[in-house]
Protein backbone atom coordinates (compact mmCIF):
# COMPACT_ATOMS: atom_id res chain seq x y z
CA MET A 1 41.70 -12.52 25.67
CA LEU A 2 42.32 -14.03 22.23
CA ILE A 3 38.68 -15.12 22.04
CA ARG A 4 37.47 -11.59 22.77
CA LYS A 5 39.88 -10.20 20.17
CA TYR A 6 38.68 -12.78 17.62
CA ASN A 7 35.03 -11.88 18.28
CA TRP A 8 35.80 -8.18 17.87
CA VAL A 9 37.54 -8.80 14.53
CA ARG A 10 34.72 -11.07 13.36
CA ASN A 11 32.07 -8.49 14.29
CA ALA A 12 34.01 -5.79 12.48
CA ILE A 13 34.23 -7.96 9.35
CA VAL A 14 30.50 -8.75 9.45
CA LEU A 15 29.63 -5.08 9.94
CA SER A 16 31.93 -4.05 7.07
CA GLY A 17 30.36 -6.69 4.84
CA LEU A 18 26.86 -5.44 5.66
CA LEU A 19 27.87 -1.85 4.89
CA ILE A 20 29.37 -2.93 1.54
CA MET A 21 26.18 -4.85 0.70
CA LEU A 22 24.09 -1.81 1.61
CA TRP A 23 26.23 0.40 -0.63
CA LEU A 24 25.87 -2.07 -3.53
CA LEU A 25 22.08 -2.20 -3.02
CA VAL A 26 21.90 1.57 -3.26
CA ARG A 27 23.96 1.51 -6.45
CA VAL A 28 21.82 -1.14 -8.19
CA TRP A 29 18.47 -0.05 -6.72
CA PRO A 30 16.82 0.60 -10.15
CA ILE A 31 16.85 -3.16 -10.87
CA MET A 32 15.78 -4.19 -7.35
CA PRO A 33 11.94 -3.79 -7.42
CA PRO A 34 11.26 -7.32 -8.80
CA PHE A 35 13.52 -8.82 -6.12
CA VAL A 36 11.90 -6.76 -3.35
CA VAL A 37 8.40 -7.75 -4.51
CA ALA A 38 9.51 -11.40 -4.77
CA ILE A 39 10.85 -11.33 -1.19
CA ILE A 40 7.58 -9.80 0.07
CA LEU A 41 5.52 -12.37 -1.87
CA SER A 42 7.65 -15.21 -0.49
CA TYR A 43 7.20 -13.87 3.02
CA LEU A 44 3.42 -13.74 2.58
CA LEU A 45 3.20 -17.22 1.02
CA GLN A 46 5.52 -18.90 3.53
CA PRO A 47 2.76 -19.83 6.05
CA TRP A 48 0.69 -21.48 3.31
CA VAL A 49 3.69 -23.46 2.08
CA LYS A 50 4.33 -24.68 5.64
CA TYR A 51 0.65 -25.64 5.92
CA PHE A 52 0.90 -27.99 2.93
CA GLU A 53 4.21 -29.35 4.21
CA LYS A 54 2.45 -30.33 7.45
CA LYS A 55 -0.10 -32.20 5.28
CA GLY A 56 2.71 -34.41 3.97
CA LEU A 57 3.73 -32.69 0.73
CA THR A 58 7.36 -32.02 -0.09
CA ARG A 59 8.63 -28.45 -0.13
CA THR A 60 8.53 -28.24 -3.93
CA PHE A 61 5.01 -29.66 -4.25
CA SER A 62 3.82 -27.42 -1.41
CA ILE A 63 5.03 -24.36 -3.32
CA ILE A 64 3.43 -25.66 -6.53
CA ALA A 65 0.13 -26.23 -4.68
CA VAL A 66 0.17 -22.66 -3.31
CA TYR A 67 1.02 -21.31 -6.77
CA ILE A 68 -1.86 -23.27 -8.34
CA ILE A 69 -4.35 -21.92 -5.78
CA LEU A 70 -3.00 -18.37 -6.07
CA GLY A 71 -2.79 -18.55 -9.88
CA SER A 72 -6.33 -19.93 -10.16
CA SER A 73 -7.68 -17.16 -7.93
CA ILE A 74 -5.88 -14.50 -9.95
CA PHE A 75 -7.07 -16.08 -13.21
CA PHE A 76 -10.75 -16.13 -12.21
CA ILE A 77 -10.56 -12.56 -10.91
CA SER A 78 -8.64 -11.38 -13.97
CA ALA A 79 -10.98 -13.12 -16.42
CA TYR A 80 -13.57 -10.49 -15.60
CA GLY A 81 -11.65 -7.75 -13.85
CA ILE A 82 -8.66 -7.14 -16.14
CA PRO A 83 -10.59 -6.62 -19.42
CA VAL A 84 -13.02 -4.29 -17.63
CA LEU A 85 -10.14 -2.42 -15.96
CA ILE A 86 -8.25 -2.02 -19.25
CA ARG A 87 -11.42 -0.79 -20.93
CA GLU A 88 -11.96 1.70 -18.11
CA LEU A 89 -8.37 2.90 -18.41
CA TYR A 90 -8.83 3.61 -22.12
CA VAL A 91 -12.15 5.36 -21.47
CA PHE A 92 -10.51 7.37 -18.69
CA ALA A 93 -7.70 8.43 -21.05
CA ASP A 94 -10.26 9.55 -23.64
CA ALA A 95 -12.27 11.37 -20.96
CA VAL A 96 -9.35 13.41 -19.58
CA PRO A 97 -9.75 16.29 -22.09
CA ASP A 98 -13.50 16.39 -21.45
CA TYR A 99 -12.99 16.37 -17.66
CA THR A 100 -10.44 19.15 -18.00
CA ARG A 101 -12.97 21.20 -19.99
CA ARG A 102 -15.68 20.54 -17.39
CA VAL A 103 -13.41 21.65 -14.55
CA GLN A 104 -12.61 24.87 -16.37
CA GLN A 105 -16.30 25.45 -17.18
CA MET A 106 -17.39 24.87 -13.57
CA THR A 107 -14.66 27.21 -12.35
CA GLN A 108 -15.75 29.90 -14.79
CA GLU A 109 -19.43 29.57 -13.78
CA PHE A 110 -18.53 29.83 -10.11
CA TYR A 111 -16.25 32.79 -10.85
CA ALA A 112 -19.03 34.59 -12.76
CA ARG A 113 -21.48 34.16 -9.85
CA TYR A 114 -19.05 35.27 -7.20
CA GLN A 115 -18.11 38.39 -9.22
CA GLN A 116 -21.65 39.67 -8.62
CA ILE A 117 -21.05 39.72 -4.85
CA SER A 118 -19.75 42.94 -3.31
CA ILE A 119 -16.34 42.07 -1.87
CA PRO A 120 -13.37 44.32 -1.01
CA GLU A 121 -10.80 44.42 -3.81
CA SER A 122 -7.98 43.00 -1.67
CA VAL A 123 -10.12 40.02 -0.64
CA ARG A 124 -11.29 39.54 -4.24
CA THR A 125 -7.66 39.40 -5.41
CA VAL A 126 -6.87 36.65 -2.90
CA ILE A 127 -9.99 34.68 -3.93
CA ASP A 128 -9.13 35.08 -7.64
CA GLU A 129 -5.65 33.69 -7.08
CA THR A 130 -7.03 30.83 -4.97
CA LEU A 131 -9.59 29.90 -7.64
CA LEU A 132 -6.94 29.99 -10.35
CA ASN A 133 -4.61 27.77 -8.33
CA LEU A 134 -7.49 25.39 -7.56
CA GLU A 135 -8.41 25.11 -11.23
CA LEU A 136 -4.80 24.46 -12.22
CA SER A 137 -4.45 21.87 -9.45
CA LEU A 138 -7.60 20.02 -10.54
CA VAL A 139 -6.59 20.02 -14.20
CA GLU A 140 -3.04 18.91 -13.43
CA GLY A 141 -4.39 16.30 -11.00
CA ILE A 142 -6.60 14.71 -13.67
CA ARG A 143 -3.80 14.72 -16.24
CA GLY A 144 -1.28 13.48 -13.69
CA ALA A 145 -3.56 10.59 -12.67
CA ALA A 146 -3.83 9.47 -16.29
CA GLU A 147 -0.07 9.70 -16.81
CA LYS A 148 0.73 7.74 -13.65
CA ILE A 149 -1.80 5.00 -14.40
CA PHE A 150 -0.56 4.46 -17.95
CA GLY A 151 3.05 5.01 -16.97
CA PHE A 152 2.79 2.04 -14.61
CA LEU A 153 1.59 -0.40 -17.29
CA PRO A 154 5.00 -0.99 -18.96
CA HIS A 155 6.42 -2.04 -15.58
CA LEU A 156 3.94 -4.92 -15.40
CA VAL A 157 6.27 -6.88 -17.72
CA ILE A 158 8.92 -6.83 -14.99
CA LEU A 159 6.48 -8.51 -12.61
CA ILE A 160 6.74 -11.69 -14.69
CA LEU A 161 10.07 -12.23 -12.93
CA VAL A 162 8.45 -12.03 -9.49
CA PRO A 163 6.83 -15.51 -9.28
CA VAL A 164 10.00 -17.13 -10.65
CA LEU A 165 12.22 -15.37 -8.11
CA SER A 166 9.70 -16.05 -5.35
CA PHE A 167 9.69 -19.78 -6.19
CA TYR A 168 13.46 -20.06 -5.74
CA ILE A 169 13.35 -18.01 -2.52
CA LEU A 170 10.61 -20.24 -1.08
CA GLN A 171 12.47 -23.36 -2.22
CA ASP A 172 15.58 -22.40 -0.24
CA ALA A 173 13.89 -20.39 2.51
CA GLU A 174 15.23 -22.55 5.35
CA LYS A 175 18.78 -22.44 4.00
CA ILE A 176 18.55 -18.67 3.54
CA ASN A 177 17.25 -18.25 7.10
CA MET A 178 20.02 -20.40 8.56
CA LYS A 179 22.64 -18.54 6.55
CA VAL A 180 21.37 -15.15 7.72
CA ILE A 181 21.29 -16.35 11.33
CA SER A 182 24.82 -17.74 11.07
CA LEU A 183 26.08 -14.32 9.96
CA ILE A 184 24.74 -12.70 13.15
CA PRO A 185 27.30 -12.68 16.00
CA LYS A 186 26.36 -15.16 18.75
CA SER A 187 26.20 -12.38 21.32
CA TRP A 188 23.43 -10.69 19.29
CA ARG A 189 21.66 -13.82 18.02
CA ASP A 190 19.18 -14.41 20.84
CA ASP A 191 18.18 -10.74 20.87
CA PHE A 192 17.74 -10.73 17.10
CA LEU A 193 15.62 -13.90 17.06
CA PHE A 194 13.38 -12.64 19.86
CA ILE A 195 12.82 -9.26 18.17
CA TRP A 196 12.28 -10.87 14.78
CA GLY A 197 9.70 -13.25 16.28
CA GLU A 198 7.61 -10.31 17.53
CA VAL A 199 8.14 -8.30 14.34
CA ASP A 200 7.13 -11.31 12.23
CA MET A 201 3.92 -11.71 14.25
CA VAL A 202 3.04 -8.02 13.88
CA LEU A 203 3.81 -7.92 10.16
CA MET A 204 1.85 -11.09 9.42
CA LYS A 205 -1.12 -9.76 11.34
CA PHE A 206 -0.95 -6.32 9.76
CA ILE A 207 -0.08 -7.22 6.16
CA ARG A 208 -2.22 -10.29 5.59
CA GLY A 209 -5.17 -8.96 7.59
CA ASN A 210 -5.15 -5.50 6.04
CA LEU A 211 -4.65 -6.85 2.51
CA LEU A 212 -7.71 -9.08 2.91
CA VAL A 213 -9.79 -6.21 4.36
CA ALA A 214 -8.58 -3.86 1.60
CA PHE A 215 -9.52 -6.42 -1.08
CA ILE A 216 -13.03 -6.83 0.33
CA VAL A 217 -13.47 -3.05 0.67
CA GLY A 218 -12.34 -2.60 -2.96
CA VAL A 219 -14.82 -5.22 -4.19
CA LEU A 220 -17.71 -3.79 -2.15
CA THR A 221 -16.91 -0.24 -3.30
CA SER A 222 -16.78 -1.32 -6.95
CA VAL A 223 -20.10 -3.14 -6.63
CA GLY A 224 -21.68 -0.11 -4.94
CA LEU A 225 -20.40 2.28 -7.63
CA ILE A 226 -21.64 -0.07 -10.37
CA ILE A 227 -25.09 -0.07 -8.76
CA ILE A 228 -25.25 3.75 -8.82
CA LYS A 229 -23.93 3.63 -12.43
CA LEU A 230 -20.78 5.69 -11.84
CA GLU A 231 -18.10 5.63 -14.53
CA PHE A 232 -14.79 3.83 -13.80
CA ALA A 233 -16.35 1.86 -10.91
CA ILE A 234 -13.71 -0.91 -11.01
CA LEU A 235 -10.81 1.55 -11.14
CA LEU A 236 -12.28 3.68 -8.35
CA GLY A 237 -12.93 0.55 -6.26
CA ILE A 238 -9.28 -0.48 -6.61
CA ILE A 239 -8.20 3.00 -5.49
CA ALA A 240 -10.57 2.80 -2.49
CA GLY A 241 -9.20 -0.63 -1.54
CA ILE A 242 -5.58 0.52 -1.69
CA ALA A 243 -6.40 3.70 0.24
CA ASN A 244 -8.08 1.58 2.93
CA LEU A 245 -4.62 0.34 3.91
CA ILE A 246 -4.05 3.81 5.39
CA PRO A 247 -5.55 4.04 8.90
CA TYR A 248 -8.01 6.85 9.71
CA PHE A 249 -7.47 8.80 6.45
CA GLY A 250 -7.91 5.88 4.04
CA ALA A 251 -11.68 6.15 3.68
CA VAL A 252 -11.49 9.88 2.86
CA ILE A 253 -8.55 9.50 0.45
CA GLY A 254 -10.28 6.59 -1.32
CA ALA A 255 -13.56 8.49 -1.67
CA ILE A 256 -12.08 11.69 -3.14
CA PRO A 257 -11.55 10.34 -6.73
CA ALA A 258 -15.07 8.88 -6.78
CA VAL A 259 -16.54 12.17 -5.53
CA ILE A 260 -14.66 14.13 -8.23
CA VAL A 261 -15.85 11.77 -10.99
CA ALA A 262 -19.43 11.98 -9.68
CA LEU A 263 -19.23 15.78 -9.52
CA LEU A 264 -18.04 15.98 -13.12
CA ASP A 265 -20.56 13.39 -14.30
CA LEU A 266 -23.74 14.39 -12.43
CA PRO A 267 -23.51 16.43 -9.21
CA LYS A 268 -26.36 14.59 -7.47
CA LYS A 269 -24.35 11.36 -7.75
CA VAL A 270 -21.98 12.77 -5.13
CA ILE A 271 -24.65 11.95 -2.51
CA TYR A 272 -24.87 8.37 -3.79
CA VAL A 273 -21.07 8.03 -3.68
CA LEU A 274 -21.03 9.25 -0.08
CA ILE A 275 -23.79 6.77 0.83
CA VAL A 276 -21.82 3.90 -0.76
CA THR A 277 -18.64 5.01 1.07
CA ILE A 278 -20.42 5.23 4.44
CA ILE A 279 -22.07 1.81 4.03
CA VAL A 280 -18.78 0.13 3.03
CA GLN A 281 -16.89 1.78 5.89
CA GLN A 282 -19.56 0.69 8.37
CA ILE A 283 -19.19 -2.90 7.13
CA GLU A 284 -15.41 -2.58 7.37
CA SER A 285 -15.32 -1.11 10.87
CA SER A 286 -18.16 -3.17 12.38
CA ILE A 287 -17.64 -6.58 10.75
CA LEU A 288 -14.44 -6.97 8.74
CA ALA A 289 -11.85 -5.27 10.98
CA PRO A 290 -12.93 -6.98 14.27
CA LYS A 291 -13.17 -10.42 12.64
CA ILE A 292 -10.03 -10.29 10.46
CA LEU A 293 -7.67 -7.85 12.18
CA GLY A 294 -8.62 -8.50 15.79
CA GLY A 295 -6.80 -6.19 18.22
CA SER A 296 -4.77 -3.13 17.33
CA LEU A 297 -0.99 -2.86 17.02
CA GLY A 298 -0.79 -1.21 20.40
CA LEU A 299 -0.16 2.28 19.03
CA HIS A 300 -1.95 5.29 20.45
CA PRO A 301 -4.20 7.05 17.88
CA ALA A 302 -2.18 10.27 18.28
CA ILE A 303 1.01 8.36 17.44
CA VAL A 304 -0.65 6.76 14.41
CA ILE A 305 -1.79 10.15 13.09
CA PHE A 306 1.68 11.63 13.68
CA VAL A 307 3.52 8.83 11.82
CA LEU A 308 0.98 8.96 8.98
CA LEU A 309 1.51 12.70 8.52
CA ALA A 310 5.28 12.28 8.79
CA GLY A 311 5.33 9.34 6.35
CA GLY A 312 3.12 11.15 3.85
CA HIS A 313 5.23 14.30 4.10
CA LEU A 314 8.52 12.46 3.57
CA TYR A 315 7.63 9.68 1.12
CA GLY A 316 4.12 10.37 -0.23
CA ILE A 317 1.78 7.42 -0.76
CA ILE A 318 4.49 4.86 0.05
CA GLY A 319 5.14 6.67 3.32
CA LEU A 320 1.43 6.59 4.21
CA LEU A 321 1.23 2.85 3.55
CA ALA A 322 4.43 1.96 5.40
CA ALA A 323 4.19 4.41 8.32
CA VAL A 324 2.11 2.31 10.73
CA PRO A 325 3.93 -1.05 10.37
CA VAL A 326 7.30 0.72 10.57
CA ALA A 327 6.14 2.53 13.73
CA ALA A 328 5.00 -0.79 15.22
CA ILE A 329 8.41 -2.35 14.47
CA VAL A 330 10.23 0.63 16.00
CA LYS A 331 8.05 0.29 19.10
CA ILE A 332 8.96 -3.40 19.45
CA ILE A 333 12.68 -2.65 19.14
CA CYS A 334 12.56 0.30 21.56
CA ARG A 335 10.52 -1.65 24.11
CA TYR A 336 12.95 -4.57 23.98
CA ALA A 337 15.97 -2.25 24.23
CA TRP A 338 14.42 -0.49 27.23
CA ARG A 339 13.85 -3.82 28.98
CA LYS A 340 17.49 -4.77 28.43
CA ILE A 341 18.68 -1.42 29.77
CA ALA A 342 16.33 -1.54 32.75
CA VAL A 343 17.61 -4.98 33.70
């Protein structure tokens, strides 16, 4: 009886401590992004660190080896990519007023042509309002894109903390894991470890595989846009790669900025952009995805579309990117809970 009472008190204390920690995290959330990114980076690098440990290196030298490989890769990519990207960002900022003027001019030309058509006044009023809203949306979209891109640059300084924090997390990863496990009540521990094992497998498969596919898609898109001589090819390729992380809708979302730039530059380039997009997506779906991602996450396409729409509606781009892995995790937990109940 005393043991049961002790366990109940201990569980209550642990639960209270977790709630207090959650409340503190909410209060200090503005300073949390570097820590969150560092935890994610540590999680992604952990398998590579273990690989070098199996080769006989100590934990510290394994982390250093992974950092050297990762840093060298980033350096060689940045040596060409970053200067070009920065140059494109400045050109894009200078081009925003011109693009805004072109959008307004195209809208006016279309409006002048459609005014010559005999249309009922009530219908014409609706079309006029729709055209006006479309013009305003396009103009605000171009300006908003510039503001968001340049607004993100100052936050890059914060990312300097990420590799430092990640190093310390990787250094003490085993101790941290053991500490977290020790805080879980024994009655829940086996269930937690089983669920986490499946979640870890799904996340590793989804995150690492999709990041690699997205990187390749971004590179191929940039190369294709450079070949057709479209402005901001590197920037548009990065957007296409990030958008590719979104199932089903990613290809369309990633192509929209390139289509808009092509339309404002030279309308016939829209066809070339669509050809590049189709070729890259064929490579992605026929070669990259089967080889790198393997099987699916076991989610029905209708469920995937639903969670994508829900995630996008609630949390925007972040919701679109996180919707599918979160849904896969929820499925694992629900399936395990159902098995426990059924037994």
